Amino acid sequence: MTSPVSPASWTYADEFVAEDDLLAAARSRAEEVGVAPIGPGGGATLRFLASVLDAKNVVEVGTGTGVSGLWLLRGMRPEGVLTTVDVETEHQRLARQTFTEAGFGQRQARCIAGAALDVLPRLTDNHYDVVFVDGDKTEYAAYLKEALRLLRPGGVVAFDNALWHDRVADPSVRDEETATIRELNQLVADNDGLIPLLLPVGDGLLLARKI
């Protein structure tokens, strides 16, 4: 059995792809409004994923201040469209500022204000290359159901916080959020229509490709 990665190596890997001033500004806005965006390593993973899939249509649950959205947009096709959903209109205002400063207009970054479980059912079946989820943890299982409907064959769903601050791996921790994420991980692992992968990047990034 291999030895665990040291904290220094973990940090080195997570920060391997450096963030620029635009992402730093988006993170600063997130801190001001109490939002916890995806980490640099997770963001770089999302950009890589969008690039590998040559993504044209992406859905994001949890806009925040635009950190993850900007990473995704930078990996997508130039003509691609990111549809990002958040219940907080102020967060989306800040995200639009992030996208505009980075050169992405409203045609490329489509912000929809509302509860994800109200908005997602209105989106087109089998149309999206990537669905990224960083929303209400207690609704993760419901988001998976919607994501599987929205994704095209070969598309990928990604969930942030899949390790949930080291709580998921500890069976003695049974609060609602931890239990729901643990359930989600098992649902993905057991689904024969998915190819799953759990990456220990940031707070954990669960990926699954729709067969």
N, C-alpha and C. Protein backbone atom coordinates (compact mmCIF):
# COMPACT_ATOMS: atom_id res chain seq x y z
N MET A 1 0.85 -1.19 0.00
CA MET A 1 0.00 0.00 0.00
C MET A 1 0.89 1.25 0.00
N THR A 2 0.55 2.19 -0.87
CA THR A 2 1.36 3.40 -0.97
C THR A 2 1.11 4.29 0.24
N SER A 3 2.12 5.09 0.57
CA SER A 3 1.98 6.02 1.69
C SER A 3 1.13 7.20 1.25
N PRO A 4 0.39 7.84 2.19
CA PRO A 4 -0.44 8.98 1.83
C PRO A 4 0.39 10.16 1.36
N VAL A 5 -0.23 10.98 0.53
CA VAL A 5 0.44 12.17 0.02
C VAL A 5 0.60 13.17 1.16
N SER A 6 1.76 13.79 1.26
CA SER A 6 2.00 14.76 2.32
C SER A 6 1.19 16.03 2.04
N PRO A 7 0.89 16.80 3.09
CA PRO A 7 0.17 18.06 2.88
C PRO A 7 0.87 19.00 1.90
N ALA A 8 2.20 18.99 1.92
CA ALA A 8 2.95 19.86 1.00
C ALA A 8 2.73 19.44 -0.45
N SER A 9 2.77 18.13 -0.69
CA SER A 9 2.55 17.64 -2.06
C SER A 9 1.10 17.87 -2.49
N TRP A 10 0.18 17.71 -1.54
CA TRP A 10 -1.24 17.94 -1.83
C TRP A 10 -1.46 19.39 -2.27
N THR A 11 -0.87 20.31 -1.53
CA THR A 11 -0.99 21.73 -1.88
C THR A 11 -0.32 22.03 -3.21
N TYR A 12 0.84 21.43 -3.44
CA TYR A 12 1.56 21.64 -4.69
C TYR A 12 0.70 21.20 -5.88
N ALA A 13 0.06 20.02 -5.73
CA ALA A 13 -0.78 19.50 -6.81
C ALA A 13 -2.02 20.37 -7.02
N ASP A 14 -2.63 20.80 -5.92
CA ASP A 14 -3.87 21.58 -6.01
C ASP A 14 -3.62 22.93 -6.65
N GLU A 15 -2.43 23.46 -6.48
CA GLU A 15 -2.10 24.79 -7.01
C GLU A 15 -1.21 24.72 -8.24
N PHE A 16 -1.10 23.52 -8.82
CA PHE A 16 -0.20 23.31 -9.95
C PHE A 16 -0.56 24.22 -11.13
N VAL A 17 -1.84 24.35 -11.42
CA VAL A 17 -2.29 25.28 -12.47
C VAL A 17 -2.65 26.59 -11.77
N ALA A 18 -1.86 27.61 -12.02
CA ALA A 18 -2.02 28.88 -11.30
C ALA A 18 -3.26 29.63 -11.77
N GLU A 19 -3.90 30.32 -10.83
CA GLU A 19 -5.02 31.17 -11.16
C GLU A 19 -4.54 32.59 -11.45
N ASP A 20 -5.24 33.26 -12.37
CA ASP A 20 -4.84 34.61 -12.75
C ASP A 20 -5.60 35.65 -11.91
N ASP A 21 -5.40 36.91 -12.24
CA ASP A 21 -5.99 38.00 -11.47
C ASP A 21 -7.52 37.98 -11.54
N LEU A 22 -8.09 37.55 -12.66
CA LEU A 22 -9.54 37.51 -12.80
C LEU A 22 -10.16 36.49 -11.85
N LEU A 23 -9.54 35.34 -11.75
CA LEU A 23 -10.03 34.33 -10.82
C LEU A 23 -9.80 34.77 -9.37
N ALA A 24 -8.67 35.43 -9.13
CA ALA A 24 -8.40 35.94 -7.78
C ALA A 24 -9.46 36.96 -7.37
N ALA A 25 -9.86 37.81 -8.31
CA ALA A 25 -10.90 38.81 -8.02
C ALA A 25 -12.23 38.13 -7.73
N ALA A 26 -12.55 37.08 -8.49
CA ALA A 26 -13.80 36.34 -8.25
C ALA A 26 -13.77 35.66 -6.88
N ARG A 27 -12.62 35.15 -6.50
CA ARG A 27 -12.49 34.54 -5.16
C ARG A 27 -12.65 35.58 -4.06
N SER A 28 -12.13 36.77 -4.30
CA SER A 28 -12.26 37.85 -3.32
C SER A 28 -13.73 38.22 -3.14
N ARG A 29 -14.48 38.28 -4.23
CA ARG A 29 -15.92 38.57 -4.14
C ARG A 29 -16.64 37.46 -3.39
N ALA A 30 -16.22 36.22 -3.64
CA ALA A 30 -16.84 35.09 -2.96
C ALA A 30 -16.65 35.19 -1.45
N GLU A 31 -15.45 35.56 -1.05
CA GLU A 31 -15.17 35.69 0.38
C GLU A 31 -16.03 36.79 1.00
N GLU A 32 -16.24 37.87 0.25
CA GLU A 32 -17.03 38.99 0.77
C GLU A 32 -18.48 38.61 1.02
N VAL A 33 -19.03 37.72 0.19
CA VAL A 33 -20.45 37.35 0.33
C VAL A 33 -20.64 35.98 0.99
N GLY A 34 -19.54 35.39 1.48
CA GLY A 34 -19.65 34.14 2.20
C GLY A 34 -19.86 32.91 1.35
N VAL A 35 -19.33 32.92 0.13
CA VAL A 35 -19.43 31.78 -0.77
C VAL A 35 -18.11 31.02 -0.76
N ALA A 36 -18.20 29.68 -0.77
CA ALA A 36 -17.00 28.85 -0.82
C ALA A 36 -16.89 28.21 -2.21
N PRO A 37 -16.13 28.81 -3.12
CA PRO A 37 -16.04 28.28 -4.48
C PRO A 37 -15.13 27.06 -4.56
N ILE A 38 -15.17 26.39 -5.68
CA ILE A 38 -14.29 25.25 -5.92
C ILE A 38 -12.83 25.71 -5.84
N GLY A 39 -11.95 24.83 -5.38
CA GLY A 39 -10.55 25.16 -5.27
C GLY A 39 -9.85 25.21 -6.62
N PRO A 40 -8.61 25.70 -6.64
CA PRO A 40 -7.88 25.80 -7.91
C PRO A 40 -7.72 24.46 -8.62
N GLY A 41 -7.41 23.40 -7.87
CA GLY A 41 -7.24 22.09 -8.50
C GLY A 41 -8.53 21.59 -9.11
N GLY A 42 -9.65 21.79 -8.40
CA GLY A 42 -10.94 21.39 -8.95
C GLY A 42 -11.32 22.22 -10.16
N GLY A 43 -11.03 23.52 -10.11
CA GLY A 43 -11.30 24.37 -11.25
C GLY A 43 -10.51 23.95 -12.48
N ALA A 44 -9.22 23.66 -12.28
CA ALA A 44 -8.39 23.20 -13.39
C ALA A 44 -8.92 21.89 -13.95
N THR A 45 -9.45 21.03 -13.09
CA THR A 45 -10.04 19.77 -13.54
C THR A 45 -11.26 20.03 -14.41
N LEU A 46 -12.10 20.98 -14.01
CA LEU A 46 -13.28 21.32 -14.80
C LEU A 46 -12.89 21.87 -16.18
N ARG A 47 -11.91 22.73 -16.22
CA ARG A 47 -11.46 23.25 -17.51
C ARG A 47 -10.93 22.13 -18.39
N PHE A 48 -10.12 21.25 -17.81
CA PHE A 48 -9.57 20.11 -18.54
C PHE A 48 -10.70 19.23 -19.08
N LEU A 49 -11.68 18.96 -18.22
CA LEU A 49 -12.81 18.13 -18.62
C LEU A 49 -13.59 18.75 -19.77
N ALA A 50 -13.90 20.04 -19.67
CA ALA A 50 -14.63 20.72 -20.73
C ALA A 50 -13.83 20.72 -22.03
N SER A 51 -12.52 20.85 -21.92
CA SER A 51 -11.67 20.84 -23.11
C SER A 51 -11.63 19.46 -23.76
N VAL A 52 -11.44 18.42 -22.96
CA VAL A 52 -11.38 17.05 -23.48
C VAL A 52 -12.69 16.67 -24.18
N LEU A 53 -13.81 17.10 -23.61
CA LEU A 53 -15.12 16.79 -24.18
C LEU A 53 -15.49 17.73 -25.32
N ASP A 54 -14.65 18.74 -25.57
CA ASP A 54 -14.97 19.76 -26.59
C ASP A 54 -16.36 20.32 -26.32
N ALA A 55 -16.60 20.66 -25.07
CA ALA A 55 -17.94 20.99 -24.59
C ALA A 55 -18.51 22.24 -25.25
N LYS A 56 -19.75 22.10 -25.69
CA LYS A 56 -20.48 23.22 -26.27
C LYS A 56 -21.60 23.69 -25.35
N ASN A 57 -22.22 22.75 -24.63
CA ASN A 57 -23.33 23.08 -23.75
C ASN A 57 -23.06 22.52 -22.36
N VAL A 58 -23.04 23.42 -21.37
CA VAL A 58 -22.71 23.04 -19.99
C VAL A 58 -23.75 23.64 -19.05
N VAL A 59 -24.15 22.86 -18.05
CA VAL A 59 -25.03 23.34 -16.99
C VAL A 59 -24.25 23.37 -15.68
N GLU A 60 -24.44 24.44 -14.92
CA GLU A 60 -23.82 24.57 -13.61
C GLU A 60 -24.90 24.85 -12.57
N VAL A 61 -24.90 24.07 -11.50
CA VAL A 61 -25.80 24.30 -10.36
C VAL A 61 -24.98 24.93 -9.25
N GLY A 62 -25.26 26.19 -8.97
CA GLY A 62 -24.48 26.92 -7.97
C GLY A 62 -23.52 27.87 -8.65
N THR A 63 -23.98 29.04 -9.01
CA THR A 63 -23.16 30.01 -9.75
C THR A 63 -22.06 30.60 -8.89
N GLY A 64 -22.40 30.88 -7.61
CA GLY A 64 -21.44 31.59 -6.77
C GLY A 64 -21.08 32.92 -7.40
N THR A 65 -19.82 33.28 -7.34
CA THR A 65 -19.36 34.53 -7.94
C THR A 65 -18.62 34.30 -9.25
N GLY A 66 -18.77 33.10 -9.81
CA GLY A 66 -18.25 32.85 -11.15
C GLY A 66 -16.92 32.15 -11.23
N VAL A 67 -16.39 31.65 -10.12
CA VAL A 67 -15.08 30.98 -10.15
C VAL A 67 -15.14 29.71 -11.01
N SER A 68 -16.01 28.79 -10.65
CA SER A 68 -16.10 27.54 -11.42
C SER A 68 -16.61 27.80 -12.83
N GLY A 69 -17.53 28.75 -12.97
CA GLY A 69 -18.04 29.06 -14.30
C GLY A 69 -16.95 29.56 -15.23
N LEU A 70 -16.06 30.39 -14.71
CA LEU A 70 -14.96 30.91 -15.54
C LEU A 70 -14.01 29.78 -15.94
N TRP A 71 -13.70 28.89 -15.01
CA TRP A 71 -12.87 27.74 -15.36
C TRP A 71 -13.53 26.93 -16.48
N LEU A 72 -14.83 26.68 -16.37
CA LEU A 72 -15.54 25.90 -17.39
C LEU A 72 -15.53 26.62 -18.74
N LEU A 73 -15.85 27.89 -18.73
CA LEU A 73 -15.90 28.65 -19.98
C LEU A 73 -14.55 28.63 -20.70
N ARG A 74 -13.47 28.65 -19.95
CA ARG A 74 -12.14 28.66 -20.56
C ARG A 74 -11.77 27.32 -21.18
N GLY A 75 -12.51 26.26 -20.83
CA GLY A 75 -12.26 24.97 -21.45
C GLY A 75 -13.22 24.63 -22.57
N MET A 76 -14.31 25.37 -22.67
CA MET A 76 -15.36 25.08 -23.65
C MET A 76 -15.01 25.65 -25.03
N ARG A 77 -15.77 25.23 -26.02
CA ARG A 77 -15.64 25.82 -27.36
C ARG A 77 -15.91 27.32 -27.29
N PRO A 78 -15.33 28.10 -28.19
CA PRO A 78 -15.57 29.55 -28.18
C PRO A 78 -17.06 29.89 -28.33
N GLU A 79 -17.80 29.07 -29.07
CA GLU A 79 -19.22 29.34 -29.28
C GLU A 79 -20.10 28.65 -28.24
N GLY A 80 -19.48 28.03 -27.25
CA GLY A 80 -20.22 27.28 -26.24
C GLY A 80 -21.04 28.18 -25.33
N VAL A 81 -22.03 27.55 -24.68
CA VAL A 81 -22.93 28.28 -23.77
C VAL A 81 -22.93 27.59 -22.41
N LEU A 82 -22.62 28.36 -21.38
CA LEU A 82 -22.72 27.91 -19.99
C LEU A 82 -24.04 28.41 -19.43
N THR A 83 -24.89 27.48 -18.99
CA THR A 83 -26.12 27.83 -18.31
C THR A 83 -25.91 27.61 -16.83
N THR A 84 -25.91 28.68 -16.05
CA THR A 84 -25.58 28.57 -14.63
C THR A 84 -26.76 29.04 -13.79
N VAL A 85 -27.09 28.24 -12.78
CA VAL A 85 -28.31 28.44 -11.99
C VAL A 85 -27.95 28.70 -10.53
N ASP A 86 -28.58 29.71 -9.94
CA ASP A 86 -28.35 30.00 -8.52
C ASP A 86 -29.57 30.72 -7.97
N VAL A 87 -29.90 30.41 -6.74
CA VAL A 87 -31.06 31.04 -6.11
C VAL A 87 -30.74 32.46 -5.66
N GLU A 88 -29.45 32.80 -5.52
CA GLU A 88 -29.04 34.11 -5.03
C GLU A 88 -28.75 35.06 -6.19
N THR A 89 -29.62 36.05 -6.38
CA THR A 89 -29.44 36.97 -7.50
C THR A 89 -28.20 37.84 -7.34
N GLU A 90 -27.83 38.17 -6.10
CA GLU A 90 -26.64 38.99 -5.87
C GLU A 90 -25.38 38.22 -6.27
N HIS A 91 -25.36 36.94 -5.98
CA HIS A 91 -24.22 36.12 -6.41
C HIS A 91 -24.11 36.12 -7.92
N GLN A 92 -25.23 35.99 -8.59
CA GLN A 92 -25.19 35.98 -10.06
C GLN A 92 -24.77 37.33 -10.62
N ARG A 93 -25.14 38.40 -9.96
CA ARG A 93 -24.67 39.72 -10.42
C ARG A 93 -23.14 39.79 -10.37
N LEU A 94 -22.57 39.27 -9.29
CA LEU A 94 -21.12 39.26 -9.16
C LEU A 94 -20.48 38.30 -10.16
N ALA A 95 -21.16 37.19 -10.44
CA ALA A 95 -20.64 36.25 -11.43
C ALA A 95 -20.64 36.88 -12.82
N ARG A 96 -21.70 37.60 -13.16
CA ARG A 96 -21.73 38.27 -14.46
C ARG A 96 -20.57 39.27 -14.58
N GLN A 97 -20.24 39.92 -13.48
CA GLN A 97 -19.09 40.83 -13.49
C GLN A 97 -17.81 40.04 -13.79
N THR A 98 -17.67 38.89 -13.16
CA THR A 98 -16.50 38.03 -13.42
C THR A 98 -16.44 37.63 -14.88
N PHE A 99 -17.55 37.18 -15.43
CA PHE A 99 -17.57 36.71 -16.82
C PHE A 99 -17.29 37.86 -17.78
N THR A 100 -17.88 39.02 -17.53
CA THR A 100 -17.68 40.18 -18.41
C THR A 100 -16.22 40.62 -18.40
N GLU A 101 -15.63 40.68 -17.22
CA GLU A 101 -14.22 41.07 -17.12
C GLU A 101 -13.32 40.10 -17.86
N ALA A 102 -13.74 38.83 -17.95
CA ALA A 102 -12.94 37.83 -18.64
C ALA A 102 -13.25 37.76 -20.13
N GLY A 103 -14.18 38.58 -20.60
CA GLY A 103 -14.47 38.64 -22.04
C GLY A 103 -15.58 37.72 -22.49
N PHE A 104 -16.38 37.21 -21.56
CA PHE A 104 -17.49 36.33 -21.92
C PHE A 104 -18.81 37.09 -21.75
N GLY A 105 -19.56 37.18 -22.86
CA GLY A 105 -20.82 37.92 -22.83
C GLY A 105 -22.00 37.07 -22.40
N GLN A 106 -23.18 37.68 -22.43
CA GLN A 106 -24.39 37.00 -21.98
C GLN A 106 -24.77 35.82 -22.87
N ARG A 107 -24.34 35.83 -24.11
CA ARG A 107 -24.64 34.70 -24.98
C ARG A 107 -23.82 33.47 -24.61
N GLN A 108 -22.68 33.69 -24.00
CA GLN A 108 -21.81 32.58 -23.59
C GLN A 108 -22.07 32.14 -22.16
N ALA A 109 -22.51 33.06 -21.32
CA ALA A 109 -22.78 32.76 -19.91
C ALA A 109 -24.22 33.16 -19.61
N ARG A 110 -25.08 32.18 -19.59
CA ARG A 110 -26.51 32.39 -19.39
C ARG A 110 -26.85 32.15 -17.91
N CYS A 111 -27.13 33.22 -17.19
CA CYS A 111 -27.41 33.13 -15.76
C CYS A 111 -28.91 33.06 -15.52
N ILE A 112 -29.35 32.03 -14.81
CA ILE A 112 -30.76 31.86 -14.48
C ILE A 112 -30.91 31.87 -12.97
N ALA A 113 -31.70 32.81 -12.46
CA ALA A 113 -31.94 32.91 -11.02
C ALA A 113 -33.12 32.03 -10.65
N GLY A 114 -32.92 31.19 -9.64
CA GLY A 114 -34.01 30.31 -9.20
C GLY A 114 -33.47 29.07 -8.54
N ALA A 115 -34.37 28.31 -7.93
CA ALA A 115 -33.99 27.04 -7.32
C ALA A 115 -33.68 26.03 -8.41
N ALA A 116 -32.59 25.31 -8.26
CA ALA A 116 -32.14 24.40 -9.32
C ALA A 116 -33.19 23.35 -9.67
N LEU A 117 -33.87 22.82 -8.66
CA LEU A 117 -34.86 21.77 -8.93
C LEU A 117 -36.12 22.31 -9.59
N ASP A 118 -36.26 23.64 -9.65
CA ASP A 118 -37.33 24.25 -10.45
C ASP A 118 -36.85 24.54 -11.86
N VAL A 119 -35.57 24.88 -12.01
CA VAL A 119 -35.03 25.28 -13.31
C VAL A 119 -34.63 24.09 -14.16
N LEU A 120 -33.93 23.12 -13.57
CA LEU A 120 -33.39 22.01 -14.36
C LEU A 120 -34.44 21.25 -15.15
N PRO A 121 -35.63 20.99 -14.61
CA PRO A 121 -36.64 20.26 -15.40
C PRO A 121 -37.06 20.97 -16.68
N ARG A 122 -36.78 22.26 -16.77
CA ARG A 122 -37.16 23.01 -17.97
C ARG A 122 -36.09 22.98 -19.06
N LEU A 123 -34.92 22.39 -18.75
CA LEU A 123 -33.84 22.32 -19.73
C LEU A 123 -33.98 21.07 -20.60
N THR A 124 -33.30 21.10 -21.74
CA THR A 124 -33.50 20.08 -22.78
C THR A 124 -32.82 18.75 -22.46
N ASP A 125 -33.55 17.66 -22.66
CA ASP A 125 -33.01 16.31 -22.45
C ASP A 125 -31.85 16.02 -23.39
N ASN A 126 -30.87 15.25 -22.90
CA ASN A 126 -29.78 14.70 -23.74
C ASN A 126 -29.06 15.77 -24.55
N HIS A 127 -28.90 16.95 -23.98
CA HIS A 127 -28.39 18.10 -24.75
C HIS A 127 -27.03 18.59 -24.26
N TYR A 128 -26.64 18.22 -23.06
CA TYR A 128 -25.49 18.85 -22.42
C TYR A 128 -24.27 17.92 -22.34
N ASP A 129 -23.11 18.54 -22.49
CA ASP A 129 -21.85 17.79 -22.44
C ASP A 129 -21.36 17.62 -21.00
N VAL A 130 -21.60 18.62 -20.17
CA VAL A 130 -21.16 18.59 -18.78
C VAL A 130 -22.26 19.18 -17.91
N VAL A 131 -22.50 18.55 -16.76
CA VAL A 131 -23.32 19.14 -15.70
C VAL A 131 -22.44 19.20 -14.45
N PHE A 132 -22.21 20.40 -13.96
CA PHE A 132 -21.40 20.58 -12.75
C PHE A 132 -22.29 21.02 -11.61
N VAL A 133 -22.17 20.35 -10.46
CA VAL A 133 -23.04 20.62 -9.32
C VAL A 133 -22.23 21.06 -8.11
N ASP A 134 -22.57 22.23 -7.60
CA ASP A 134 -22.01 22.74 -6.35
C ASP A 134 -23.10 23.53 -5.65
N GLY A 135 -24.24 22.85 -5.42
CA GLY A 135 -25.39 23.49 -4.82
C GLY A 135 -25.71 22.94 -3.45
N ASP A 136 -26.98 22.92 -3.11
CA ASP A 136 -27.46 22.42 -1.82
C ASP A 136 -27.09 20.94 -1.67
N LYS A 137 -26.27 20.62 -0.68
CA LYS A 137 -25.77 19.25 -0.54
C LYS A 137 -26.90 18.26 -0.27
N THR A 138 -27.96 18.69 0.43
CA THR A 138 -29.05 17.78 0.74
C THR A 138 -29.86 17.41 -0.50
N GLU A 139 -29.63 18.11 -1.62
CA GLU A 139 -30.36 17.83 -2.86
C GLU A 139 -29.49 17.13 -3.90
N TYR A 140 -28.31 16.69 -3.51
CA TYR A 140 -27.38 16.11 -4.48
C TYR A 140 -27.97 14.91 -5.22
N ALA A 141 -28.68 14.02 -4.52
CA ALA A 141 -29.25 12.85 -5.18
C ALA A 141 -30.29 13.27 -6.23
N ALA A 142 -31.06 14.31 -5.93
CA ALA A 142 -32.05 14.82 -6.88
C ALA A 142 -31.37 15.47 -8.08
N TYR A 143 -30.25 16.14 -7.84
CA TYR A 143 -29.49 16.73 -8.95
C TYR A 143 -28.94 15.64 -9.88
N LEU A 144 -28.53 14.52 -9.31
CA LEU A 144 -28.02 13.42 -10.13
C LEU A 144 -29.10 12.95 -11.10
N LYS A 145 -30.31 12.79 -10.61
CA LYS A 145 -31.41 12.34 -11.47
C LYS A 145 -31.62 13.30 -12.62
N GLU A 146 -31.61 14.61 -12.34
CA GLU A 146 -31.77 15.60 -13.40
C GLU A 146 -30.58 15.58 -14.36
N ALA A 147 -29.39 15.44 -13.82
CA ALA A 147 -28.19 15.45 -14.66
C ALA A 147 -28.20 14.30 -15.66
N LEU A 148 -28.63 13.12 -15.23
CA LEU A 148 -28.66 11.96 -16.12
C LEU A 148 -29.64 12.18 -17.26
N ARG A 149 -30.69 12.92 -17.02
CA ARG A 149 -31.64 13.24 -18.09
C ARG A 149 -31.06 14.28 -19.04
N LEU A 150 -30.34 15.23 -18.50
CA LEU A 150 -29.82 16.35 -19.30
C LEU A 150 -28.61 15.96 -20.15
N LEU A 151 -27.79 15.05 -19.66
CA LEU A 151 -26.54 14.73 -20.35
C LEU A 151 -26.77 13.92 -21.62
N ARG A 152 -25.98 14.22 -22.63
CA ARG A 152 -25.92 13.36 -23.82
C ARG A 152 -25.12 12.12 -23.48
N PRO A 153 -25.27 11.04 -24.24
CA PRO A 153 -24.38 9.89 -24.04
C PRO A 153 -22.92 10.32 -24.21
N GLY A 154 -22.08 9.96 -23.27
CA GLY A 154 -20.69 10.39 -23.27
C GLY A 154 -20.45 11.64 -22.47
N GLY A 155 -21.52 12.30 -22.04
CA GLY A 155 -21.38 13.49 -21.20
C GLY A 155 -20.99 13.13 -19.78
N VAL A 156 -20.57 14.13 -19.03
CA VAL A 156 -20.04 13.89 -17.69
C VAL A 156 -20.74 14.80 -16.67
N VAL A 157 -21.12 14.20 -15.54
CA VAL A 157 -21.61 14.97 -14.41
C VAL A 157 -20.49 15.05 -13.38
N ALA A 158 -20.36 16.20 -12.74
CA ALA A 158 -19.32 16.42 -11.73
C ALA A 158 -19.94 17.05 -10.49
N PHE A 159 -19.61 16.51 -9.32
CA PHE A 159 -20.10 17.03 -8.05
C PHE A 159 -18.91 17.48 -7.20
N ASP A 160 -18.96 18.74 -6.76
CA ASP A 160 -17.93 19.22 -5.84
C ASP A 160 -18.29 18.81 -4.41
N ASN A 161 -17.30 18.85 -3.53
CA ASN A 161 -17.47 18.52 -2.10
C ASN A 161 -17.85 17.06 -1.87
N ALA A 162 -17.36 16.17 -2.73
CA ALA A 162 -17.71 14.76 -2.63
C ALA A 162 -17.07 14.07 -1.43
N LEU A 163 -16.09 14.72 -0.79
CA LEU A 163 -15.50 14.19 0.44
C LEU A 163 -15.98 14.96 1.67
N TRP A 164 -16.56 16.11 1.44
CA TRP A 164 -17.22 16.95 2.45
C TRP A 164 -16.41 17.09 3.73
N HIS A 165 -15.27 17.74 3.58
CA HIS A 165 -14.41 18.09 4.72
C HIS A 165 -14.01 16.85 5.53
N ASP A 166 -13.71 15.76 4.83
CA ASP A 166 -13.27 14.49 5.45
C ASP A 166 -14.38 13.78 6.22
N ARG A 167 -15.61 14.22 6.10
CA ARG A 167 -16.70 13.61 6.86
C ARG A 167 -17.26 12.36 6.18
N VAL A 168 -17.26 12.34 4.84
CA VAL A 168 -17.87 11.23 4.12
C VAL A 168 -17.18 9.91 4.43
N ALA A 169 -15.87 9.93 4.56
CA ALA A 169 -15.11 8.70 4.80
C ALA A 169 -15.21 8.21 6.24
N ASP A 170 -15.79 9.01 7.11
CA ASP A 170 -15.92 8.64 8.53
C ASP A 170 -17.34 8.14 8.79
N PRO A 171 -17.55 6.83 8.95
CA PRO A 171 -18.90 6.29 9.10
C PRO A 171 -19.63 6.76 10.35
N SER A 172 -18.89 7.30 11.30
CA SER A 172 -19.53 7.78 12.53
C SER A 172 -20.22 9.13 12.33
N VAL A 173 -19.92 9.82 11.23
CA VAL A 173 -20.53 11.12 10.94
C VAL A 173 -21.81 10.88 10.15
N ARG A 174 -22.95 11.31 10.69
CA ARG A 174 -24.23 10.96 10.08
C ARG A 174 -25.17 12.14 9.93
N ASP A 175 -24.66 13.36 9.88
CA ASP A 175 -25.54 14.50 9.66
C ASP A 175 -26.14 14.42 8.26
N GLU A 176 -27.18 15.19 8.01
CA GLU A 176 -27.95 15.07 6.78
C GLU A 176 -27.10 15.32 5.53
N GLU A 177 -26.29 16.37 5.55
CA GLU A 177 -25.49 16.69 4.37
C GLU A 177 -24.49 15.58 4.07
N THR A 178 -23.78 15.12 5.11
CA THR A 178 -22.79 14.05 4.91
C THR A 178 -23.46 12.78 4.42
N ALA A 179 -24.59 12.42 5.02
CA ALA A 179 -25.30 11.20 4.63
C ALA A 179 -25.77 11.28 3.19
N THR A 180 -26.23 12.46 2.76
CA THR A 180 -26.70 12.61 1.38
C THR A 180 -25.57 12.48 0.39
N ILE A 181 -24.42 13.08 0.69
CA ILE A 181 -23.27 12.96 -0.22
C ILE A 181 -22.77 11.53 -0.26
N ARG A 182 -22.74 10.86 0.89
CA ARG A 182 -22.34 9.46 0.94
C ARG A 182 -23.29 8.60 0.10
N GLU A 183 -24.58 8.90 0.18
CA GLU A 183 -25.58 8.19 -0.62
C GLU A 183 -25.35 8.45 -2.11
N LEU A 184 -25.07 9.70 -2.45
CA LEU A 184 -24.80 10.04 -3.85
C LEU A 184 -23.62 9.25 -4.38
N ASN A 185 -22.53 9.23 -3.64
CA ASN A 185 -21.34 8.51 -4.08
C ASN A 185 -21.66 7.05 -4.36
N GLN A 186 -22.47 6.45 -3.49
CA GLN A 186 -22.84 5.04 -3.67
C GLN A 186 -23.76 4.86 -4.86
N LEU A 187 -24.70 5.79 -5.06
CA LEU A 187 -25.60 5.72 -6.22
C LEU A 187 -24.81 5.75 -7.52
N VAL A 188 -23.83 6.63 -7.58
CA VAL A 188 -23.00 6.74 -8.78
C VAL A 188 -22.17 5.47 -8.99
N ALA A 189 -21.58 4.97 -7.91
CA ALA A 189 -20.74 3.77 -8.01
C ALA A 189 -21.55 2.55 -8.45
N ASP A 190 -22.82 2.49 -8.05
CA ASP A 190 -23.65 1.32 -8.33
C ASP A 190 -24.40 1.39 -9.65
N ASN A 191 -24.35 2.52 -10.32
CA ASN A 191 -25.13 2.73 -11.54
C ASN A 191 -24.38 2.14 -12.74
N ASP A 192 -24.96 1.10 -13.35
CA ASP A 192 -24.31 0.43 -14.49
C ASP A 192 -24.26 1.30 -15.73
N GLY A 193 -25.01 2.39 -15.73
CA GLY A 193 -25.00 3.29 -16.88
C GLY A 193 -23.98 4.41 -16.76
N LEU A 194 -23.13 4.33 -15.73
CA LEU A 194 -22.14 5.37 -15.50
C LEU A 194 -20.75 4.77 -15.34
N ILE A 195 -19.75 5.52 -15.74
CA ILE A 195 -18.35 5.19 -15.45
C ILE A 195 -17.88 6.20 -14.41
N PRO A 196 -17.71 5.79 -13.14
CA PRO A 196 -17.45 6.74 -12.07
C PRO A 196 -15.97 6.95 -11.76
N LEU A 197 -15.68 8.09 -11.15
CA LEU A 197 -14.34 8.40 -10.69
C LEU A 197 -14.46 9.41 -9.55
N LEU A 198 -13.80 9.13 -8.44
CA LEU A 198 -13.77 10.06 -7.31
C LEU A 198 -12.34 10.57 -7.16
N LEU A 199 -12.16 11.85 -7.41
CA LEU A 199 -10.84 12.46 -7.34
C LEU A 199 -10.64 13.16 -6.00
N PRO A 200 -9.53 12.89 -5.31
CA PRO A 200 -9.24 13.58 -4.05
C PRO A 200 -8.61 14.94 -4.29
N VAL A 201 -9.28 15.77 -5.07
CA VAL A 201 -8.80 17.10 -5.38
C VAL A 201 -9.67 18.09 -4.63
N GLY A 202 -9.06 19.07 -3.97
CA GLY A 202 -9.83 20.01 -3.19
C GLY A 202 -10.60 19.29 -2.10
N ASP A 203 -11.91 19.49 -2.08
CA ASP A 203 -12.78 18.83 -1.11
C ASP A 203 -13.43 17.58 -1.71
N GLY A 204 -12.83 17.06 -2.77
CA GLY A 204 -13.34 15.87 -3.43
C GLY A 204 -14.19 16.25 -4.64
N LEU A 205 -13.89 15.64 -5.79
CA LEU A 205 -14.64 15.89 -7.02
C LEU A 205 -15.09 14.55 -7.58
N LEU A 206 -16.39 14.31 -7.54
CA LEU A 206 -16.98 13.07 -8.06
C LEU A 206 -17.37 13.28 -9.51
N LEU A 207 -16.84 12.41 -10.38
CA LEU A 207 -17.13 12.47 -11.81
C LEU A 207 -17.81 11.19 -12.24
N ALA A 208 -18.69 11.29 -13.25
CA ALA A 208 -19.30 10.09 -13.82
C ALA A 208 -19.65 10.36 -15.27
N ARG A 209 -19.19 9.46 -16.14
CA ARG A 209 -19.50 9.57 -17.57
C ARG A 209 -20.73 8.73 -17.88
N LYS A 210 -21.68 9.34 -18.58
CA LYS A 210 -22.90 8.64 -18.97
C LYS A 210 -22.62 7.77 -20.18
N ILE A 211 -22.87 6.48 -20.04
CA ILE A 211 -22.61 5.53 -21.13
C ILE A 211 -23.68 5.69 -22.21
